[in-house]
Amino acid sequence: MAVKNPQFLINIRKNDNANSPAYGKYYPKAVEKETISLRGLCNHMAEHNSIYGRDVIEGVLTKMVSCMTHLIAEGNPIKLDGLGIFYPTVESIKNGITKPEILAGKWNANTYVKAIHIRFRPEGTSEDDITSRSFKDQCSLTTYGVEEKFDLTPDEQDPTKKKYGKKVTPLLDWIAENAS
């Protein structure tokens, strides 16, 4: 079922990176929700007064994903009108290739290409502009109420640790703790 006025929830997050000039300041942050699977997307689409059921929609989208992956692997960008362009980029090794190596015939893509990334560039035409600042106008931004919880700081403050947890504190408690 479609929501008439979907809300894009905004939270606040403290910058705890001591090496940053923004250290100790607070910034808006999108509330992280669950990732919608292909099946979930198909269920959502089927509920939007579609004449097609989830199974038909899922079959078409599964084939689309397969074909898009194949075409992007061949170097073809894919434009989905109203959404944007998916395109491949190359991540090369850090040191690059020297001119003498190329002239000596030592150029080998498998040696110098570290990874192939799939990137996305949102639609930017006037009728379907969903680039960052324009897309904001399509979102109904809302912040959590006082009774809700804010994601204020990571549990682990040691930047050498890769895993960061979230310390979630009710806003009133946080204001009381930090008011003194």
N, C-alpha and C. Protein backbone atom coordinates (compact mmCIF):
# COMPACT_ATOMS: atom_id res chain seq x y z
N MET A 1 0.84 -1.17 0.00
CA MET A 1 0.00 0.00 0.00
C MET A 1 0.89 1.24 0.00
N ALA A 2 0.57 2.19 -0.84
CA ALA A 2 1.36 3.41 -0.96
C ALA A 2 1.06 4.36 0.20
N VAL A 3 2.10 5.03 0.67
CA VAL A 3 1.95 6.03 1.70
C VAL A 3 1.78 7.37 1.00
N LYS A 4 0.76 8.15 1.39
CA LYS A 4 0.48 9.40 0.70
C LYS A 4 1.58 10.43 0.87
N ASN A 5 2.16 10.53 2.05
CA ASN A 5 3.21 11.51 2.29
C ASN A 5 4.37 10.81 3.00
N PRO A 6 5.18 10.06 2.23
CA PRO A 6 6.28 9.33 2.89
C PRO A 6 7.28 10.30 3.51
N GLN A 7 7.76 9.96 4.67
CA GLN A 7 8.68 10.81 5.40
C GLN A 7 10.12 10.31 5.24
N PHE A 8 11.03 11.22 4.96
CA PHE A 8 12.45 10.93 4.93
C PHE A 8 12.99 11.36 6.29
N LEU A 9 13.31 10.38 7.14
CA LEU A 9 13.72 10.68 8.51
C LEU A 9 15.18 11.14 8.58
N ILE A 10 15.38 12.21 9.33
CA ILE A 10 16.71 12.79 9.52
C ILE A 10 17.06 12.67 11.00
N ASN A 11 18.30 12.31 11.26
CA ASN A 11 18.82 12.16 12.61
C ASN A 11 20.00 13.12 12.75
N ILE A 12 20.65 13.12 13.89
CA ILE A 12 21.89 13.88 14.03
C ILE A 12 23.00 12.93 14.45
N ARG A 13 24.21 13.28 14.06
CA ARG A 13 25.37 12.44 14.36
C ARG A 13 26.54 13.34 14.72
N LYS A 14 27.23 12.99 15.77
CA LYS A 14 28.40 13.76 16.21
C LYS A 14 29.63 13.29 15.46
N ASN A 15 30.44 14.24 15.00
CA ASN A 15 31.71 13.90 14.35
C ASN A 15 32.73 13.66 15.46
N ASP A 16 33.15 12.41 15.61
CA ASP A 16 34.13 12.04 16.63
C ASP A 16 35.52 11.78 16.07
N ASN A 17 35.77 12.25 14.86
CA ASN A 17 37.08 12.11 14.25
C ASN A 17 37.96 13.26 14.73
N ALA A 18 38.88 12.96 15.65
CA ALA A 18 39.72 13.99 16.24
C ALA A 18 40.61 14.67 15.21
N ASN A 19 40.82 14.07 14.05
CA ASN A 19 41.66 14.66 13.01
C ASN A 19 40.88 15.58 12.08
N SER A 20 39.60 15.70 12.29
CA SER A 20 38.74 16.51 11.42
C SER A 20 38.55 17.91 11.98
N PRO A 21 38.53 18.93 11.11
CA PRO A 21 38.23 20.28 11.61
C PRO A 21 36.79 20.39 12.13
N ALA A 22 35.95 19.44 11.77
CA ALA A 22 34.56 19.45 12.23
C ALA A 22 34.37 18.62 13.50
N TYR A 23 35.47 18.24 14.14
CA TYR A 23 35.41 17.41 15.34
C TYR A 23 34.51 18.05 16.39
N GLY A 24 33.61 17.21 16.97
CA GLY A 24 32.74 17.65 18.04
C GLY A 24 31.46 18.32 17.58
N LYS A 25 31.33 18.57 16.28
CA LYS A 25 30.11 19.20 15.77
C LYS A 25 29.10 18.13 15.39
N TYR A 26 27.85 18.55 15.28
CA TYR A 26 26.75 17.65 14.95
C TYR A 26 26.24 17.94 13.55
N TYR A 27 25.87 16.87 12.84
CA TYR A 27 25.42 17.00 11.47
C TYR A 27 24.19 16.14 11.21
N PRO A 28 23.33 16.60 10.30
CA PRO A 28 22.18 15.77 9.93
C PRO A 28 22.65 14.48 9.27
N LYS A 29 21.90 13.43 9.47
CA LYS A 29 22.23 12.11 8.92
C LYS A 29 20.93 11.41 8.58
N ALA A 30 20.89 10.75 7.44
CA ALA A 30 19.70 9.97 7.06
C ALA A 30 19.53 8.81 8.03
N VAL A 31 18.31 8.58 8.45
CA VAL A 31 18.02 7.42 9.30
C VAL A 31 18.13 6.18 8.42
N GLU A 32 18.93 5.24 8.86
CA GLU A 32 19.13 4.02 8.09
C GLU A 32 17.97 3.06 8.32
N LYS A 33 17.33 2.70 7.23
CA LYS A 33 16.21 1.76 7.31
C LYS A 33 16.67 0.46 6.68
N GLU A 34 15.76 -0.52 6.66
CA GLU A 34 16.12 -1.81 6.09
C GLU A 34 16.28 -1.70 4.57
N THR A 35 17.19 -2.48 4.02
CA THR A 35 17.37 -2.55 2.58
C THR A 35 16.23 -3.35 2.00
N ILE A 36 15.65 -2.84 0.94
CA ILE A 36 14.54 -3.52 0.28
C ILE A 36 15.11 -4.50 -0.75
N SER A 37 14.74 -5.76 -0.65
CA SER A 37 15.21 -6.78 -1.58
C SER A 37 14.45 -6.65 -2.90
N LEU A 38 14.90 -7.38 -3.91
CA LEU A 38 14.20 -7.40 -5.19
C LEU A 38 12.77 -7.89 -4.99
N ARG A 39 12.59 -8.92 -4.20
CA ARG A 39 11.25 -9.43 -3.93
C ARG A 39 10.40 -8.38 -3.21
N GLY A 40 10.99 -7.68 -2.26
CA GLY A 40 10.28 -6.62 -1.56
C GLY A 40 9.87 -5.50 -2.50
N LEU A 41 10.77 -5.13 -3.42
CA LEU A 41 10.45 -4.11 -4.42
C LEU A 41 9.31 -4.58 -5.31
N CYS A 42 9.35 -5.84 -5.70
CA CYS A 42 8.29 -6.40 -6.55
C CYS A 42 6.96 -6.41 -5.82
N ASN A 43 6.96 -6.76 -4.55
CA ASN A 43 5.72 -6.71 -3.75
C ASN A 43 5.19 -5.28 -3.69
N HIS A 44 6.10 -4.34 -3.48
CA HIS A 44 5.71 -2.93 -3.42
C HIS A 44 5.10 -2.49 -4.75
N MET A 45 5.73 -2.86 -5.85
CA MET A 45 5.23 -2.48 -7.17
C MET A 45 3.86 -3.11 -7.44
N ALA A 46 3.69 -4.35 -7.06
CA ALA A 46 2.43 -5.05 -7.30
C ALA A 46 1.28 -4.41 -6.52
N GLU A 47 1.61 -3.80 -5.37
CA GLU A 47 0.59 -3.15 -4.55
C GLU A 47 0.17 -1.77 -5.08
N HIS A 48 0.87 -1.27 -6.08
CA HIS A 48 0.57 0.05 -6.64
C HIS A 48 -0.40 -0.07 -7.82
N ASN A 49 -1.52 -0.72 -7.59
CA ASN A 49 -2.57 -0.87 -8.61
C ASN A 49 -2.04 -1.42 -9.93
N SER A 50 -1.10 -2.34 -9.85
CA SER A 50 -0.53 -2.94 -11.06
C SER A 50 -1.44 -4.08 -11.54
N ILE A 51 -1.53 -4.23 -12.85
CA ILE A 51 -2.29 -5.37 -13.39
C ILE A 51 -1.45 -6.63 -13.34
N TYR A 52 -0.15 -6.48 -13.04
CA TYR A 52 0.76 -7.62 -12.97
C TYR A 52 0.99 -8.00 -11.52
N GLY A 53 1.12 -9.28 -11.29
CA GLY A 53 1.42 -9.76 -9.95
C GLY A 53 2.90 -9.70 -9.66
N ARG A 54 3.24 -9.98 -8.39
CA ARG A 54 4.64 -9.94 -7.97
C ARG A 54 5.50 -10.87 -8.80
N ASP A 55 4.98 -12.05 -9.15
CA ASP A 55 5.78 -13.03 -9.88
C ASP A 55 6.17 -12.53 -11.27
N VAL A 56 5.26 -11.87 -11.97
CA VAL A 56 5.56 -11.34 -13.31
C VAL A 56 6.57 -10.18 -13.19
N ILE A 57 6.32 -9.29 -12.25
CA ILE A 57 7.22 -8.15 -12.04
C ILE A 57 8.61 -8.64 -11.67
N GLU A 58 8.67 -9.63 -10.78
CA GLU A 58 9.97 -10.17 -10.35
C GLU A 58 10.71 -10.82 -11.52
N GLY A 59 9.98 -11.51 -12.39
CA GLY A 59 10.62 -12.13 -13.55
C GLY A 59 11.24 -11.08 -14.48
N VAL A 60 10.50 -10.02 -14.73
CA VAL A 60 11.00 -8.96 -15.61
C VAL A 60 12.20 -8.27 -14.98
N LEU A 61 12.11 -7.93 -13.69
CA LEU A 61 13.22 -7.23 -13.04
C LEU A 61 14.45 -8.13 -12.89
N THR A 62 14.24 -9.42 -12.64
CA THR A 62 15.37 -10.34 -12.54
C THR A 62 16.11 -10.40 -13.87
N LYS A 63 15.36 -10.46 -14.96
CA LYS A 63 15.97 -10.47 -16.30
C LYS A 63 16.68 -9.14 -16.56
N MET A 64 16.06 -8.02 -16.14
CA MET A 64 16.68 -6.71 -16.32
C MET A 64 18.02 -6.63 -15.58
N VAL A 65 18.06 -7.10 -14.34
CA VAL A 65 19.30 -7.08 -13.56
C VAL A 65 20.38 -7.91 -14.27
N SER A 66 20.00 -9.09 -14.74
CA SER A 66 20.95 -9.96 -15.45
C SER A 66 21.49 -9.28 -16.70
N CYS A 67 20.61 -8.68 -17.47
CA CYS A 67 21.04 -8.02 -18.70
C CYS A 67 21.88 -6.78 -18.41
N MET A 68 21.49 -6.02 -17.38
CA MET A 68 22.27 -4.83 -17.03
C MET A 68 23.69 -5.22 -16.61
N THR A 69 23.80 -6.24 -15.79
CA THR A 69 25.12 -6.70 -15.34
C THR A 69 25.97 -7.11 -16.54
N HIS A 70 25.36 -7.85 -17.46
CA HIS A 70 26.07 -8.31 -18.66
C HIS A 70 26.54 -7.12 -19.50
N LEU A 71 25.66 -6.17 -19.75
CA LEU A 71 26.00 -5.02 -20.59
C LEU A 71 27.04 -4.12 -19.93
N ILE A 72 26.92 -3.89 -18.62
CA ILE A 72 27.91 -3.07 -17.92
C ILE A 72 29.27 -3.77 -17.92
N ALA A 73 29.28 -5.12 -17.81
CA ALA A 73 30.53 -5.88 -17.86
C ALA A 73 31.20 -5.75 -19.23
N GLU A 74 30.43 -5.40 -20.25
CA GLU A 74 30.99 -5.16 -21.59
C GLU A 74 31.39 -3.69 -21.77
N GLY A 75 31.19 -2.87 -20.74
CA GLY A 75 31.57 -1.46 -20.81
C GLY A 75 30.45 -0.53 -21.23
N ASN A 76 29.22 -1.02 -21.32
CA ASN A 76 28.09 -0.19 -21.74
C ASN A 76 27.41 0.46 -20.55
N PRO A 77 27.36 1.79 -20.48
CA PRO A 77 26.52 2.43 -19.46
C PRO A 77 25.06 2.13 -19.77
N ILE A 78 24.23 2.05 -18.74
CA ILE A 78 22.80 1.78 -18.89
C ILE A 78 22.04 2.95 -18.30
N LYS A 79 21.18 3.57 -19.12
CA LYS A 79 20.36 4.68 -18.65
C LYS A 79 18.94 4.19 -18.42
N LEU A 80 18.46 4.40 -17.20
CA LEU A 80 17.07 4.13 -16.87
C LEU A 80 16.40 5.49 -16.77
N ASP A 81 15.60 5.82 -17.77
CA ASP A 81 14.96 7.13 -17.82
C ASP A 81 14.23 7.43 -16.53
N GLY A 82 14.42 8.62 -16.00
CA GLY A 82 13.79 9.04 -14.76
C GLY A 82 14.58 8.64 -13.52
N LEU A 83 15.57 7.77 -13.66
CA LEU A 83 16.38 7.33 -12.52
C LEU A 83 17.82 7.80 -12.69
N GLY A 84 18.49 7.33 -13.74
CA GLY A 84 19.87 7.74 -13.96
C GLY A 84 20.63 6.71 -14.76
N ILE A 85 21.96 6.84 -14.71
CA ILE A 85 22.85 6.01 -15.52
C ILE A 85 23.74 5.18 -14.60
N PHE A 86 23.78 3.88 -14.85
CA PHE A 86 24.72 2.96 -14.21
C PHE A 86 25.87 2.79 -15.18
N TYR A 87 27.10 2.98 -14.72
CA TYR A 87 28.24 2.91 -15.63
C TYR A 87 29.46 2.30 -14.93
N PRO A 88 30.34 1.67 -15.72
CA PRO A 88 31.54 1.07 -15.12
C PRO A 88 32.70 2.06 -15.04
N THR A 89 33.52 1.92 -14.01
CA THR A 89 34.78 2.66 -13.91
C THR A 89 35.88 1.67 -13.53
N VAL A 90 37.09 2.06 -13.81
CA VAL A 90 38.25 1.21 -13.54
C VAL A 90 39.02 1.77 -12.35
N GLU A 91 39.36 0.89 -11.41
CA GLU A 91 40.27 1.23 -10.32
C GLU A 91 41.60 0.58 -10.66
N SER A 92 42.62 1.40 -10.84
CA SER A 92 43.92 0.85 -11.22
C SER A 92 44.84 0.75 -10.01
N ILE A 93 45.96 0.07 -10.22
CA ILE A 93 46.92 -0.07 -9.13
C ILE A 93 47.47 1.30 -8.76
N LYS A 94 47.97 1.40 -7.56
CA LYS A 94 48.39 2.69 -7.00
C LYS A 94 49.49 3.37 -7.82
N ASN A 95 50.46 2.64 -8.26
CA ASN A 95 51.62 3.25 -8.91
C ASN A 95 51.42 3.53 -10.39
N GLY A 96 50.35 3.04 -10.98
CA GLY A 96 50.11 3.29 -12.39
C GLY A 96 51.07 2.53 -13.30
N ILE A 97 51.08 2.93 -14.55
CA ILE A 97 51.91 2.28 -15.56
C ILE A 97 52.86 3.32 -16.12
N THR A 98 54.11 2.95 -16.24
CA THR A 98 55.07 3.91 -16.80
C THR A 98 55.08 3.81 -18.32
N LYS A 99 55.50 4.88 -18.96
CA LYS A 99 55.59 4.90 -20.42
C LYS A 99 56.55 3.81 -20.93
N PRO A 100 57.71 3.61 -20.30
CA PRO A 100 58.60 2.54 -20.76
C PRO A 100 57.96 1.14 -20.69
N GLU A 101 57.14 0.91 -19.64
CA GLU A 101 56.46 -0.39 -19.53
C GLU A 101 55.48 -0.59 -20.68
N ILE A 102 54.79 0.47 -21.05
CA ILE A 102 53.84 0.38 -22.17
C ILE A 102 54.60 0.13 -23.47
N LEU A 103 55.67 0.90 -23.69
CA LEU A 103 56.45 0.76 -24.93
C LEU A 103 57.14 -0.60 -25.03
N ALA A 104 57.46 -1.19 -23.88
CA ALA A 104 58.12 -2.50 -23.87
C ALA A 104 57.11 -3.64 -24.02
N GLY A 105 55.83 -3.29 -24.12
CA GLY A 105 54.81 -4.33 -24.29
C GLY A 105 54.45 -5.03 -22.99
N LYS A 106 54.76 -4.41 -21.85
CA LYS A 106 54.46 -5.04 -20.56
C LYS A 106 53.07 -4.67 -20.04
N TRP A 107 52.29 -3.99 -20.88
CA TRP A 107 50.93 -3.60 -20.49
C TRP A 107 50.03 -4.81 -20.49
N ASN A 108 49.41 -5.09 -19.36
CA ASN A 108 48.46 -6.19 -19.24
C ASN A 108 47.36 -5.72 -18.28
N ALA A 109 46.14 -5.66 -18.79
CA ALA A 109 45.03 -5.15 -17.99
C ALA A 109 44.87 -5.90 -16.67
N ASN A 110 45.06 -7.22 -16.68
CA ASN A 110 44.89 -8.00 -15.45
C ASN A 110 45.91 -7.64 -14.39
N THR A 111 47.05 -7.10 -14.80
CA THR A 111 48.08 -6.70 -13.86
C THR A 111 47.81 -5.31 -13.29
N TYR A 112 47.34 -4.41 -14.12
CA TYR A 112 47.21 -3.02 -13.71
C TYR A 112 45.80 -2.60 -13.27
N VAL A 113 44.80 -3.40 -13.59
CA VAL A 113 43.44 -3.08 -13.16
C VAL A 113 43.17 -3.79 -11.84
N LYS A 114 42.90 -3.01 -10.83
CA LYS A 114 42.66 -3.56 -9.49
C LYS A 114 41.20 -4.01 -9.34
N ALA A 115 40.25 -3.22 -9.90
CA ALA A 115 38.83 -3.54 -9.77
C ALA A 115 38.03 -2.79 -10.82
N ILE A 116 36.83 -3.29 -11.09
CA ILE A 116 35.85 -2.59 -11.93
C ILE A 116 34.67 -2.26 -11.01
N HIS A 117 34.32 -0.99 -10.95
CA HIS A 117 33.23 -0.54 -10.09
C HIS A 117 32.01 -0.21 -10.94
N ILE A 118 30.83 -0.45 -10.39
CA ILE A 118 29.60 0.01 -11.02
C ILE A 118 29.19 1.27 -10.27
N ARG A 119 29.11 2.36 -10.99
CA ARG A 119 28.75 3.65 -10.41
C ARG A 119 27.35 4.06 -10.88
N PHE A 120 26.80 5.04 -10.21
CA PHE A 120 25.47 5.54 -10.56
C PHE A 120 25.50 7.07 -10.60
N ARG A 121 24.95 7.62 -11.66
CA ARG A 121 24.79 9.07 -11.79
C ARG A 121 23.30 9.35 -11.96
N PRO A 122 22.67 10.07 -11.02
CA PRO A 122 21.23 10.29 -11.10
C PRO A 122 20.83 11.13 -12.31
N GLU A 123 19.59 10.95 -12.72
CA GLU A 123 19.03 11.71 -13.84
C GLU A 123 19.13 13.20 -13.55
N GLY A 124 19.55 13.96 -14.53
CA GLY A 124 19.73 15.40 -14.31
C GLY A 124 18.99 16.27 -15.31
N THR A 125 18.11 15.68 -16.12
CA THR A 125 17.36 16.50 -17.07
C THR A 125 16.28 17.28 -16.33
N SER A 126 15.85 18.37 -16.91
CA SER A 126 14.92 19.26 -16.22
C SER A 126 13.63 18.56 -15.79
N GLU A 127 13.11 17.66 -16.60
CA GLU A 127 11.85 17.02 -16.25
C GLU A 127 12.01 15.90 -15.23
N ASP A 128 13.16 15.29 -15.17
CA ASP A 128 13.40 14.16 -14.25
C ASP A 128 14.63 14.39 -13.38
N ASP A 129 14.85 15.61 -12.94
CA ASP A 129 16.06 15.93 -12.18
C ASP A 129 15.99 15.35 -10.77
N ILE A 130 16.80 14.32 -10.53
CA ILE A 130 16.90 13.76 -9.17
C ILE A 130 18.33 13.83 -8.67
N THR A 131 19.07 14.83 -9.16
CA THR A 131 20.39 15.07 -8.60
C THR A 131 20.21 15.54 -7.17
N SER A 132 21.25 15.47 -6.37
CA SER A 132 21.14 15.63 -4.92
C SER A 132 20.29 16.80 -4.43
N ARG A 133 20.56 17.98 -4.89
CA ARG A 133 19.83 19.14 -4.35
C ARG A 133 18.40 19.17 -4.86
N SER A 134 18.17 18.75 -6.08
CA SER A 134 16.80 18.70 -6.61
C SER A 134 16.01 17.58 -5.95
N PHE A 135 16.66 16.45 -5.68
CA PHE A 135 15.98 15.32 -5.06
C PHE A 135 15.49 15.67 -3.66
N LYS A 136 16.24 16.53 -2.98
CA LYS A 136 15.84 16.97 -1.64
C LYS A 136 14.43 17.57 -1.68
N ASP A 137 14.12 18.31 -2.73
CA ASP A 137 12.80 18.93 -2.85
C ASP A 137 11.68 17.90 -3.02
N GLN A 138 12.03 16.68 -3.45
CA GLN A 138 11.03 15.63 -3.61
C GLN A 138 10.82 14.84 -2.33
N CYS A 139 11.68 15.07 -1.34
CA CYS A 139 11.59 14.34 -0.08
C CYS A 139 10.84 15.18 0.94
N SER A 140 10.08 14.53 1.79
CA SER A 140 9.40 15.19 2.89
C SER A 140 10.25 14.95 4.13
N LEU A 141 11.14 15.90 4.43
CA LEU A 141 12.10 15.73 5.52
C LEU A 141 11.41 15.90 6.87
N THR A 142 11.76 15.03 7.78
CA THR A 142 11.24 15.14 9.14
C THR A 142 12.32 14.66 10.11
N THR A 143 12.39 15.31 11.25
CA THR A 143 13.33 14.88 12.28
C THR A 143 12.57 14.09 13.32
N TYR A 144 13.31 13.30 14.05
CA TYR A 144 12.70 12.52 15.13
C TYR A 144 12.12 13.47 16.17
N GLY A 145 11.04 13.05 16.78
CA GLY A 145 10.46 13.81 17.89
C GLY A 145 11.27 13.60 19.15
N VAL A 146 10.96 14.35 20.18
CA VAL A 146 11.72 14.29 21.44
C VAL A 146 11.68 12.91 22.06
N GLU A 147 10.56 12.20 21.90
CA GLU A 147 10.44 10.88 22.53
C GLU A 147 11.23 9.81 21.78
N GLU A 148 11.70 10.14 20.60
CA GLU A 148 12.44 9.17 19.80
C GLU A 148 13.92 9.16 20.19
N LYS A 149 14.68 8.34 19.47
CA LYS A 149 16.10 8.19 19.80
C LYS A 149 16.97 8.78 18.68
N PHE A 150 18.09 9.34 19.08
CA PHE A 150 19.03 9.91 18.14
C PHE A 150 20.32 9.10 18.16
N ASP A 151 20.91 8.91 17.01
CA ASP A 151 22.16 8.20 16.85
C ASP A 151 23.27 9.24 17.03
N LEU A 152 23.80 9.35 18.24
CA LEU A 152 24.69 10.46 18.52
C LEU A 152 26.18 10.15 18.38
N THR A 153 26.61 9.01 18.84
CA THR A 153 28.05 8.73 18.80
C THR A 153 28.30 7.25 18.57
N PRO A 154 29.41 6.92 17.92
CA PRO A 154 29.77 5.50 17.80
C PRO A 154 30.28 4.99 19.15
N ASP A 155 30.01 3.71 19.43
CA ASP A 155 30.49 3.12 20.69
C ASP A 155 32.02 3.09 20.73
N GLU A 156 32.62 2.75 19.60
CA GLU A 156 34.06 2.66 19.56
C GLU A 156 34.62 3.95 18.98
N GLN A 157 35.52 4.57 19.70
CA GLN A 157 36.06 5.84 19.25
C GLN A 157 37.48 5.68 18.70
N ASP A 158 38.01 4.47 18.74
CA ASP A 158 39.36 4.22 18.24
C ASP A 158 39.29 4.06 16.72
N PRO A 159 39.87 5.01 15.95
CA PRO A 159 39.77 4.94 14.49
C PRO A 159 40.50 3.74 13.87
N THR A 160 41.36 3.06 14.66
CA THR A 160 42.05 1.89 14.11
C THR A 160 41.13 0.68 14.04
N LYS A 161 40.01 0.72 14.78
CA LYS A 161 39.05 -0.38 14.74
C LYS A 161 38.09 -0.14 13.59
N LYS A 162 37.87 -1.15 12.79
CA LYS A 162 37.04 -1.00 11.60
C LYS A 162 35.54 -1.08 11.89
N LYS A 163 35.16 -1.80 12.96
CA LYS A 163 33.75 -1.97 13.25
C LYS A 163 33.28 -0.86 14.18
N TYR A 164 32.21 -0.20 13.78
CA TYR A 164 31.63 0.84 14.61
C TYR A 164 30.21 0.45 14.97
N GLY A 165 29.92 0.51 16.24
CA GLY A 165 28.56 0.27 16.71
C GLY A 165 27.87 1.62 16.84
N LYS A 166 26.64 1.58 17.25
CA LYS A 166 25.90 2.82 17.43
C LYS A 166 25.47 2.94 18.87
N LYS A 167 25.68 4.08 19.44
CA LYS A 167 25.17 4.38 20.77
C LYS A 167 23.92 5.22 20.54
N VAL A 168 22.78 4.68 20.89
CA VAL A 168 21.52 5.37 20.68
C VAL A 168 21.03 5.89 22.02
N THR A 169 20.82 7.19 22.09
CA THR A 169 20.44 7.84 23.33
C THR A 169 19.14 8.62 23.11
N PRO A 170 18.15 8.48 24.00
CA PRO A 170 16.96 9.34 23.87
C PRO A 170 17.40 10.81 23.94
N LEU A 171 16.82 11.66 23.10
CA LEU A 171 17.24 13.04 23.00
C LEU A 171 17.14 13.79 24.33
N LEU A 172 16.05 13.61 25.08
CA LEU A 172 15.93 14.32 26.36
C LEU A 172 17.04 13.94 27.33
N ASP A 173 17.39 12.63 27.35
CA ASP A 173 18.48 12.18 28.22
C ASP A 173 19.80 12.80 27.79
N TRP A 174 20.02 12.85 26.48
CA TRP A 174 21.26 13.40 25.95
C TRP A 174 21.38 14.89 26.27
N ILE A 175 20.28 15.62 26.10
CA ILE A 175 20.30 17.06 26.40
C ILE A 175 20.60 17.26 27.88
N ALA A 176 19.98 16.47 28.76
CA ALA A 176 20.20 16.58 30.20
C ALA A 176 21.66 16.28 30.54
N GLU A 177 22.24 15.24 29.93
CA GLU A 177 23.63 14.86 30.18
C GLU A 177 24.60 15.94 29.73
N ASN A 178 24.28 16.62 28.65
CA ASN A 178 25.21 17.57 28.04
C ASN A 178 24.92 19.03 28.40
N ALA A 179 23.89 19.27 29.18
CA ALA A 179 23.51 20.64 29.53
C ALA A 179 24.43 21.26 30.57
N SER A 180 25.10 20.43 31.35
CA SER A 180 25.93 20.97 32.42
C SER A 180 27.29 21.40 31.94
